[in-house]
């Protein structure tokens, strides 16, 4: 199940990044060929860019592509490396849970204000709900990674 969710997140992130590149090219062409930029392109680009980033966060956690310093990790025994991995996942779960809660509060406040983007009228909630989705999925990913490490099925990570 987690692998399917990760595949969907990665695919959507790639598609959204491709859309961003297309929209930016379209914006550049409209400015230099037509002579005027289109504001709806800027808002659309922002939407797809934010969601691509938010979807890439949990996918990066799953792949272990985060930045890390491995000086301590490399000198530990394999058993202690496993314990350190478990500790890191536990800390990530705590952090991502707090961020999920705070993102939910933020999105709720935005929803109560009923603000919309100026050009295309999309609610701001649609833009920033991705923060909630990203951290909620990160909690699930970190729990899955921790369980894999506890059962010995996980990859060597820190």
N, C-alpha and C. Protein backbone atom coordinates (compact mmCIF):
# COMPACT_ATOMS: atom_id res chain seq x y z
N UNK A 1 0.83 -1.20 0.00
CA UNK A 1 0.00 0.00 0.00
C UNK A 1 0.87 1.26 0.00
N UNK A 2 1.88 1.27 0.88
CA UNK A 2 2.76 2.44 0.96
C UNK A 2 3.52 2.63 -0.36
N UNK A 3 3.92 1.52 -0.99
CA UNK A 3 4.64 1.63 -2.26
C UNK A 3 3.76 2.22 -3.35
N UNK A 4 2.48 1.88 -3.33
CA UNK A 4 1.54 2.47 -4.31
C UNK A 4 1.38 3.96 -4.08
N UNK A 5 1.23 4.33 -2.80
CA UNK A 5 1.09 5.76 -2.47
C UNK A 5 2.33 6.52 -2.92
N UNK A 6 3.50 5.93 -2.66
CA UNK A 6 4.76 6.57 -3.06
C UNK A 6 4.83 6.71 -4.58
N UNK A 7 4.44 5.68 -5.29
CA UNK A 7 4.47 5.73 -6.76
C UNK A 7 3.53 6.83 -7.28
N UNK A 8 2.37 6.94 -6.68
CA UNK A 8 1.42 7.99 -7.08
C UNK A 8 2.00 9.37 -6.78
N UNK A 9 2.59 9.53 -5.59
CA UNK A 9 3.19 10.82 -5.23
C UNK A 9 4.30 11.20 -6.19
N UNK A 10 5.18 10.26 -6.48
CA UNK A 10 6.30 10.54 -7.38
C UNK A 10 5.81 10.87 -8.78
N UNK A 11 4.83 10.12 -9.26
CA UNK A 11 4.30 10.36 -10.60
C UNK A 11 3.65 11.74 -10.68
N UNK A 12 2.82 12.07 -9.68
CA UNK A 12 2.18 13.39 -9.67
C UNK A 12 3.22 14.50 -9.57
N UNK A 13 4.23 14.31 -8.73
CA UNK A 13 5.27 15.34 -8.60
C UNK A 13 5.98 15.56 -9.93
N UNK A 14 6.31 14.47 -10.65
CA UNK A 14 6.97 14.60 -11.95
C UNK A 14 6.06 15.30 -12.96
N UNK A 15 4.80 14.90 -12.99
CA UNK A 15 3.86 15.54 -13.92
C UNK A 15 3.71 17.02 -13.59
N UNK A 16 3.58 17.34 -12.30
CA UNK A 16 3.42 18.74 -11.90
C UNK A 16 4.67 19.56 -12.24
N UNK A 17 5.87 18.99 -12.07
CA UNK A 17 7.08 19.70 -12.46
C UNK A 17 7.12 19.92 -13.97
N UNK A 18 6.68 18.94 -14.75
CA UNK A 18 6.62 19.10 -16.21
C UNK A 18 5.62 20.20 -16.58
N UNK A 19 4.50 20.25 -15.89
CA UNK A 19 3.51 21.30 -16.14
C UNK A 19 4.11 22.66 -15.81
N UNK A 20 4.88 22.74 -14.71
CA UNK A 20 5.53 24.00 -14.33
C UNK A 20 6.47 24.47 -15.44
N UNK A 21 7.28 23.56 -15.95
CA UNK A 21 8.21 23.92 -17.03
C UNK A 21 7.44 24.41 -18.25
N UNK A 22 6.38 23.70 -18.60
CA UNK A 22 5.56 24.11 -19.75
C UNK A 22 4.95 25.49 -19.52
N UNK A 23 4.38 25.72 -18.34
CA UNK A 23 3.74 27.01 -18.05
C UNK A 23 4.74 28.16 -18.03
N UNK A 24 5.94 27.90 -17.52
CA UNK A 24 6.96 28.96 -17.52
C UNK A 24 7.38 29.29 -18.94
N UNK A 25 7.55 28.26 -19.78
CA UNK A 25 7.88 28.51 -21.19
C UNK A 25 6.78 29.29 -21.87
N UNK A 26 5.55 28.93 -21.58
CA UNK A 26 4.41 29.64 -22.15
C UNK A 26 4.38 31.09 -21.69
N UNK A 27 4.72 31.34 -20.43
CA UNK A 27 4.75 32.70 -19.90
C UNK A 27 5.85 33.53 -20.57
N UNK A 28 7.00 32.92 -20.77
CA UNK A 28 8.10 33.63 -21.44
C UNK A 28 7.70 33.97 -22.87
N UNK A 29 7.11 33.00 -23.56
CA UNK A 29 6.66 33.27 -24.93
C UNK A 29 5.60 34.37 -24.96
N UNK A 30 4.67 34.34 -24.04
CA UNK A 30 3.61 35.36 -24.06
C UNK A 30 4.18 36.74 -23.77
N UNK A 31 5.20 36.83 -22.96
CA UNK A 31 5.80 38.14 -22.66
C UNK A 31 6.58 38.68 -23.84
N UNK A 32 7.33 37.80 -24.51
CA UNK A 32 8.21 38.29 -25.58
C UNK A 32 7.56 38.27 -26.96
N UNK A 33 6.59 37.41 -27.18
CA UNK A 33 5.92 37.35 -28.49
C UNK A 33 4.68 38.25 -28.48
N UNK A 34 3.84 38.08 -27.48
CA UNK A 34 2.61 38.87 -27.39
C UNK A 34 2.89 40.24 -26.78
N UNK A 35 3.87 40.31 -25.91
CA UNK A 35 4.22 41.59 -25.29
C UNK A 35 3.56 41.81 -23.94
N UNK A 36 2.85 40.81 -23.44
CA UNK A 36 2.19 40.95 -22.14
C UNK A 36 2.15 39.58 -21.46
N UNK A 37 2.46 39.60 -20.18
CA UNK A 37 2.39 38.36 -19.41
C UNK A 37 0.95 38.07 -19.00
N UNK A 38 0.66 36.83 -18.80
CA UNK A 38 -0.68 36.42 -18.40
C UNK A 38 -0.66 36.06 -16.91
N UNK A 39 -1.45 36.76 -16.12
CA UNK A 39 -1.40 36.55 -14.68
C UNK A 39 -1.91 35.17 -14.28
N UNK A 40 -2.83 34.61 -15.03
CA UNK A 40 -3.32 33.27 -14.68
C UNK A 40 -2.23 32.22 -14.83
N UNK A 41 -1.26 32.47 -15.73
CA UNK A 41 -0.15 31.54 -15.86
C UNK A 41 0.73 31.54 -14.61
N UNK A 42 0.94 32.72 -14.04
CA UNK A 42 1.76 32.82 -12.84
C UNK A 42 1.09 32.09 -11.66
N UNK A 43 -0.20 32.29 -11.51
CA UNK A 43 -0.91 31.61 -10.41
C UNK A 43 -0.96 30.10 -10.62
N UNK A 44 -1.16 29.69 -11.86
CA UNK A 44 -1.19 28.25 -12.16
C UNK A 44 0.18 27.63 -11.91
N UNK A 45 1.23 28.34 -12.31
CA UNK A 45 2.59 27.84 -12.09
C UNK A 45 2.86 27.69 -10.60
N UNK A 46 2.46 28.67 -9.81
CA UNK A 46 2.65 28.60 -8.36
C UNK A 46 1.92 27.39 -7.78
N UNK A 47 0.69 27.16 -8.21
CA UNK A 47 -0.08 26.02 -7.72
C UNK A 47 0.64 24.71 -7.99
N UNK A 48 1.02 24.47 -9.24
CA UNK A 48 1.66 23.21 -9.60
C UNK A 48 3.04 23.07 -8.96
N UNK A 49 3.75 24.18 -8.83
CA UNK A 49 5.07 24.13 -8.21
C UNK A 49 4.96 23.76 -6.73
N UNK A 50 4.05 24.39 -6.01
CA UNK A 50 3.88 24.08 -4.59
C UNK A 50 3.48 22.62 -4.40
N UNK A 51 2.53 22.15 -5.18
CA UNK A 51 2.10 20.76 -5.02
C UNK A 51 3.19 19.77 -5.41
N UNK A 52 3.98 20.08 -6.41
CA UNK A 52 5.09 19.19 -6.78
C UNK A 52 6.09 19.10 -5.62
N UNK A 53 6.38 20.22 -5.00
CA UNK A 53 7.29 20.20 -3.86
C UNK A 53 6.70 19.43 -2.69
N UNK A 54 5.44 19.69 -2.40
CA UNK A 54 4.81 19.03 -1.26
C UNK A 54 4.72 17.51 -1.46
N UNK A 55 4.51 17.09 -2.68
CA UNK A 55 4.43 15.65 -2.96
C UNK A 55 5.81 15.00 -2.96
N UNK A 56 6.85 15.78 -3.23
CA UNK A 56 8.20 15.23 -3.27
C UNK A 56 8.77 14.99 -1.87
N UNK A 57 8.26 15.68 -0.86
CA UNK A 57 8.79 15.53 0.51
C UNK A 57 8.68 14.08 0.99
N UNK A 58 7.48 13.49 1.03
CA UNK A 58 7.42 12.10 1.51
C UNK A 58 8.09 11.10 0.57
N UNK A 59 8.08 11.40 -0.72
CA UNK A 59 8.76 10.50 -1.66
C UNK A 59 10.26 10.50 -1.39
N UNK A 60 10.81 11.65 -1.06
CA UNK A 60 12.23 11.74 -0.72
C UNK A 60 12.56 10.97 0.54
N UNK A 61 11.66 11.01 1.50
CA UNK A 61 11.85 10.25 2.74
C UNK A 61 11.88 8.76 2.44
N UNK A 62 10.99 8.31 1.59
CA UNK A 62 10.91 6.90 1.25
C UNK A 62 12.19 6.43 0.55
N UNK A 63 12.70 7.25 -0.33
CA UNK A 63 13.90 6.88 -1.08
C UNK A 63 15.18 7.12 -0.28
N UNK A 64 15.07 7.86 0.82
CA UNK A 64 16.27 8.16 1.60
C UNK A 64 17.18 9.16 0.92
N UNK A 65 16.60 10.11 0.21
CA UNK A 65 17.38 11.08 -0.54
C UNK A 65 17.55 12.40 0.20
N UNK A 66 17.35 12.38 1.50
CA UNK A 66 17.56 13.59 2.27
C UNK A 66 19.05 13.80 2.52
N UNK A 67 19.40 15.01 2.93
CA UNK A 67 20.79 15.34 3.21
C UNK A 67 21.17 14.73 4.55
N UNK A 68 22.35 14.17 4.62
CA UNK A 68 22.77 13.55 5.87
C UNK A 68 24.28 13.64 6.03
N UNK A 69 24.70 13.66 7.27
CA UNK A 69 26.11 13.60 7.62
C UNK A 69 26.32 12.24 8.28
N UNK A 70 27.20 11.44 7.73
CA UNK A 70 27.31 10.04 8.16
C UNK A 70 28.59 9.73 8.92
N UNK A 71 29.24 10.73 9.47
CA UNK A 71 30.50 10.49 10.19
C UNK A 71 30.25 9.54 11.36
N UNK A 72 29.29 9.84 12.20
CA UNK A 72 28.98 8.99 13.35
C UNK A 72 28.41 7.65 12.89
N UNK A 73 27.53 7.70 11.94
CA UNK A 73 26.87 6.50 11.44
C UNK A 73 27.88 5.48 10.92
N UNK A 74 28.87 5.96 10.19
CA UNK A 74 29.84 5.06 9.57
C UNK A 74 30.73 4.34 10.58
N UNK A 75 30.95 4.93 11.75
CA UNK A 75 31.83 4.27 12.73
C UNK A 75 31.06 3.34 13.67
N UNK A 76 29.72 3.37 13.60
CA UNK A 76 28.91 2.50 14.45
C UNK A 76 28.86 1.08 13.89
N UNK A 77 28.62 0.14 14.78
CA UNK A 77 28.41 -1.24 14.33
C UNK A 77 27.06 -1.31 13.61
N UNK A 78 26.85 -2.39 12.87
CA UNK A 78 25.60 -2.54 12.12
C UNK A 78 24.38 -2.53 13.05
N UNK A 79 24.52 -3.15 14.21
CA UNK A 79 23.43 -3.18 15.19
C UNK A 79 23.11 -1.76 15.68
N UNK A 80 24.14 -0.98 15.98
CA UNK A 80 23.92 0.38 16.46
C UNK A 80 23.43 1.30 15.33
N UNK A 81 23.84 1.01 14.11
CA UNK A 81 23.30 1.76 12.97
C UNK A 81 21.79 1.57 12.88
N UNK A 82 21.37 0.33 13.11
CA UNK A 82 19.93 0.03 13.10
C UNK A 82 19.20 0.82 14.17
N UNK A 83 19.77 0.88 15.37
CA UNK A 83 19.16 1.66 16.45
C UNK A 83 19.10 3.14 16.10
N UNK A 84 20.15 3.64 15.48
CA UNK A 84 20.17 5.05 15.08
C UNK A 84 19.11 5.31 14.02
N UNK A 85 18.95 4.38 13.09
CA UNK A 85 17.89 4.53 12.08
C UNK A 85 16.52 4.60 12.75
N UNK A 86 16.28 3.73 13.70
CA UNK A 86 15.00 3.72 14.41
C UNK A 86 14.79 5.04 15.13
N UNK A 87 15.83 5.54 15.78
CA UNK A 87 15.74 6.83 16.47
C UNK A 87 15.42 7.95 15.49
N UNK A 88 16.09 7.95 14.34
CA UNK A 88 15.85 8.98 13.33
C UNK A 88 14.41 8.93 12.81
N UNK A 89 13.92 7.73 12.57
CA UNK A 89 12.53 7.61 12.11
C UNK A 89 11.56 8.07 13.19
N UNK A 90 11.85 7.73 14.44
CA UNK A 90 10.98 8.16 15.55
C UNK A 90 10.95 9.69 15.64
N UNK A 91 12.11 10.32 15.51
CA UNK A 91 12.15 11.79 15.55
C UNK A 91 11.41 12.40 14.37
N UNK A 92 11.56 11.78 13.19
CA UNK A 92 10.84 12.28 12.01
C UNK A 92 9.33 12.13 12.20
N UNK A 93 8.90 11.02 12.79
CA UNK A 93 7.47 10.81 13.05
C UNK A 93 6.93 11.90 13.97
N UNK A 94 7.67 12.21 15.02
CA UNK A 94 7.24 13.27 15.95
C UNK A 94 7.17 14.61 15.22
N UNK A 95 8.25 14.94 14.49
CA UNK A 95 8.29 16.21 13.77
C UNK A 95 7.16 16.31 12.74
N UNK A 96 7.00 15.27 11.94
CA UNK A 96 5.98 15.29 10.89
C UNK A 96 4.57 15.31 11.47
N UNK A 97 4.38 14.68 12.62
CA UNK A 97 3.06 14.71 13.27
C UNK A 97 2.73 16.12 13.73
N UNK A 98 3.70 16.79 14.33
CA UNK A 98 3.49 18.18 14.77
C UNK A 98 3.22 19.07 13.56
N UNK A 99 3.99 18.88 12.49
CA UNK A 99 3.79 19.68 11.28
C UNK A 99 2.44 19.40 10.63
N UNK A 100 2.00 18.16 10.68
CA UNK A 100 0.68 17.81 10.13
C UNK A 100 -0.41 18.55 10.89
N UNK A 101 -0.30 18.55 12.20
CA UNK A 101 -1.28 19.25 13.04
C UNK A 101 -1.27 20.75 12.76
N UNK A 102 -0.08 21.34 12.71
CA UNK A 102 0.03 22.78 12.46
C UNK A 102 -0.45 23.12 11.04
N UNK A 103 -0.15 22.27 10.08
CA UNK A 103 -0.62 22.50 8.71
C UNK A 103 -2.14 22.43 8.65
N UNK A 104 -2.72 21.50 9.39
CA UNK A 104 -4.18 21.40 9.44
C UNK A 104 -4.78 22.69 10.00
N UNK A 105 -4.21 23.20 11.08
CA UNK A 105 -4.69 24.46 11.65
C UNK A 105 -4.56 25.61 10.65
N UNK A 106 -3.42 25.66 9.95
CA UNK A 106 -3.18 26.71 8.96
C UNK A 106 -4.20 26.65 7.83
N UNK A 107 -4.42 25.46 7.31
CA UNK A 107 -5.38 25.30 6.22
C UNK A 107 -6.79 25.63 6.71
N UNK A 108 -7.10 25.26 7.93
CA UNK A 108 -8.41 25.57 8.50
C UNK A 108 -8.61 27.09 8.59
N UNK A 109 -7.58 27.81 9.01
CA UNK A 109 -7.66 29.28 9.09
C UNK A 109 -7.86 29.86 7.70
N UNK A 110 -7.10 29.35 6.73
CA UNK A 110 -7.27 29.83 5.35
C UNK A 110 -8.67 29.57 4.84
N UNK A 111 -9.20 28.40 5.16
CA UNK A 111 -10.56 28.06 4.72
C UNK A 111 -11.60 28.97 5.35
N UNK A 112 -11.39 29.34 6.61
CA UNK A 112 -12.34 30.23 7.30
C UNK A 112 -12.33 31.63 6.69
N UNK A 113 -11.18 32.04 6.19
CA UNK A 113 -11.09 33.38 5.58
C UNK A 113 -11.63 33.41 4.16
N UNK A 114 -11.75 32.23 3.55
CA UNK A 114 -12.32 32.10 2.21
C UNK A 114 -11.61 32.98 1.18
N UNK A 115 -10.28 33.13 1.32
CA UNK A 115 -9.52 33.92 0.37
C UNK A 115 -9.33 33.19 -0.94
N UNK A 116 -9.24 33.95 -2.00
CA UNK A 116 -9.06 33.38 -3.34
C UNK A 116 -7.94 34.11 -4.06
N UNK A 117 -7.35 33.41 -5.02
CA UNK A 117 -6.30 34.04 -5.82
C UNK A 117 -6.94 35.10 -6.71
N UNK A 118 -6.21 36.18 -7.00
CA UNK A 118 -6.81 37.30 -7.74
C UNK A 118 -7.24 36.97 -9.17
N UNK A 119 -6.42 36.25 -9.92
CA UNK A 119 -6.71 36.07 -11.34
C UNK A 119 -7.67 34.93 -11.65
N UNK A 120 -7.42 33.77 -11.09
CA UNK A 120 -8.24 32.62 -11.45
C UNK A 120 -9.25 32.23 -10.38
N UNK A 121 -9.17 32.88 -9.23
CA UNK A 121 -10.18 32.67 -8.19
C UNK A 121 -10.14 31.33 -7.48
N UNK A 122 -8.99 30.68 -7.49
CA UNK A 122 -8.85 29.40 -6.78
C UNK A 122 -8.67 29.70 -5.29
N UNK A 123 -9.36 28.97 -4.43
CA UNK A 123 -9.17 29.21 -2.98
C UNK A 123 -7.72 28.93 -2.57
N UNK A 124 -7.20 29.77 -1.69
CA UNK A 124 -5.83 29.58 -1.20
C UNK A 124 -5.68 28.23 -0.50
N UNK A 125 -6.76 27.71 0.01
CA UNK A 125 -6.72 26.40 0.66
C UNK A 125 -6.22 25.34 -0.32
N UNK A 126 -6.63 25.43 -1.57
CA UNK A 126 -6.20 24.45 -2.58
C UNK A 126 -4.69 24.50 -2.79
N UNK A 127 -4.10 25.68 -2.63
CA UNK A 127 -2.65 25.81 -2.78
C UNK A 127 -1.92 25.18 -1.60
N UNK A 128 -2.35 25.51 -0.40
CA UNK A 128 -1.57 25.17 0.79
C UNK A 128 -2.04 23.91 1.51
N UNK A 129 -3.06 23.26 1.02
CA UNK A 129 -3.46 21.97 1.59
C UNK A 129 -2.37 20.93 1.34
N UNK A 130 -1.53 21.20 0.38
CA UNK A 130 -0.42 20.30 0.09
C UNK A 130 0.54 20.15 1.26
N UNK A 131 0.67 21.17 2.09
CA UNK A 131 1.53 21.06 3.27
C UNK A 131 0.99 19.98 4.19
N UNK A 132 -0.32 20.01 4.41
CA UNK A 132 -0.95 18.99 5.24
C UNK A 132 -0.77 17.60 4.63
N UNK A 133 -1.02 17.48 3.35
CA UNK A 133 -0.88 16.20 2.66
C UNK A 133 0.56 15.69 2.75
N UNK A 134 1.52 16.59 2.53
CA UNK A 134 2.93 16.19 2.55
C UNK A 134 3.34 15.62 3.89
N UNK A 135 2.99 16.31 4.96
CA UNK A 135 3.43 15.84 6.27
C UNK A 135 2.62 14.64 6.76
N UNK A 136 1.35 14.58 6.41
CA UNK A 136 0.56 13.39 6.77
C UNK A 136 1.13 12.15 6.07
N UNK A 137 1.47 12.29 4.80
CA UNK A 137 2.09 11.16 4.07
C UNK A 137 3.48 10.86 4.62
N UNK A 138 4.19 11.89 5.08
CA UNK A 138 5.52 11.67 5.66
C UNK A 138 5.43 10.84 6.93
N UNK A 139 4.40 11.08 7.74
CA UNK A 139 4.21 10.27 8.94
C UNK A 139 4.02 8.81 8.54
N UNK A 140 3.16 8.57 7.55
CA UNK A 140 2.93 7.20 7.10
C UNK A 140 4.21 6.56 6.55
N UNK A 141 4.97 7.33 5.77
CA UNK A 141 6.21 6.80 5.21
C UNK A 141 7.22 6.48 6.30
N UNK A 142 7.35 7.38 7.27
CA UNK A 142 8.32 7.16 8.35
C UNK A 142 7.93 5.95 9.21
N UNK A 143 6.63 5.80 9.46
CA UNK A 143 6.18 4.63 10.23
C UNK A 143 6.49 3.35 9.45
N UNK A 144 6.21 3.37 8.16
CA UNK A 144 6.49 2.19 7.33
C UNK A 144 7.98 1.87 7.32
N UNK A 145 8.82 2.91 7.17
CA UNK A 145 10.27 2.70 7.17
C UNK A 145 10.76 2.18 8.52
N UNK A 146 10.18 2.71 9.60
CA UNK A 146 10.57 2.25 10.93
C UNK A 146 10.20 0.78 11.12
N UNK A 147 9.00 0.42 10.69
CA UNK A 147 8.58 -0.98 10.80
C UNK A 147 9.47 -1.91 9.98
N UNK A 148 9.86 -1.46 8.79
CA UNK A 148 10.78 -2.24 7.96
C UNK A 148 12.11 -2.43 8.68
N UNK A 149 12.59 -1.37 9.31
CA UNK A 149 13.86 -1.45 10.02
C UNK A 149 13.75 -2.36 11.24
N UNK A 150 12.63 -2.26 11.96
CA UNK A 150 12.43 -3.11 13.13
C UNK A 150 12.34 -4.59 12.78
N UNK A 151 11.74 -4.88 11.64
CA UNK A 151 11.58 -6.27 11.23
C UNK A 151 12.78 -6.79 10.45
N UNK A 152 13.73 -5.90 10.16
CA UNK A 152 14.93 -6.30 9.42
C UNK A 152 14.76 -6.33 7.92
N UNK A 153 13.65 -5.80 7.42
CA UNK A 153 13.40 -5.81 5.98
C UNK A 153 13.81 -4.51 5.30
N UNK A 154 14.15 -3.51 6.10
CA UNK A 154 14.48 -2.19 5.55
C UNK A 154 15.89 -2.11 5.03
N UNK A 155 16.12 -1.08 4.20
CA UNK A 155 17.46 -0.83 3.69
C UNK A 155 18.29 -0.14 4.77
N UNK A 156 19.61 -0.21 4.59
CA UNK A 156 20.51 0.47 5.51
C UNK A 156 20.42 1.97 5.25
N UNK A 157 19.98 2.73 6.25
CA UNK A 157 19.80 4.18 6.12
C UNK A 157 20.18 4.86 7.41
N UNK A 158 20.27 6.15 7.34
CA UNK A 158 20.34 6.97 8.55
C UNK A 158 19.45 8.17 8.37
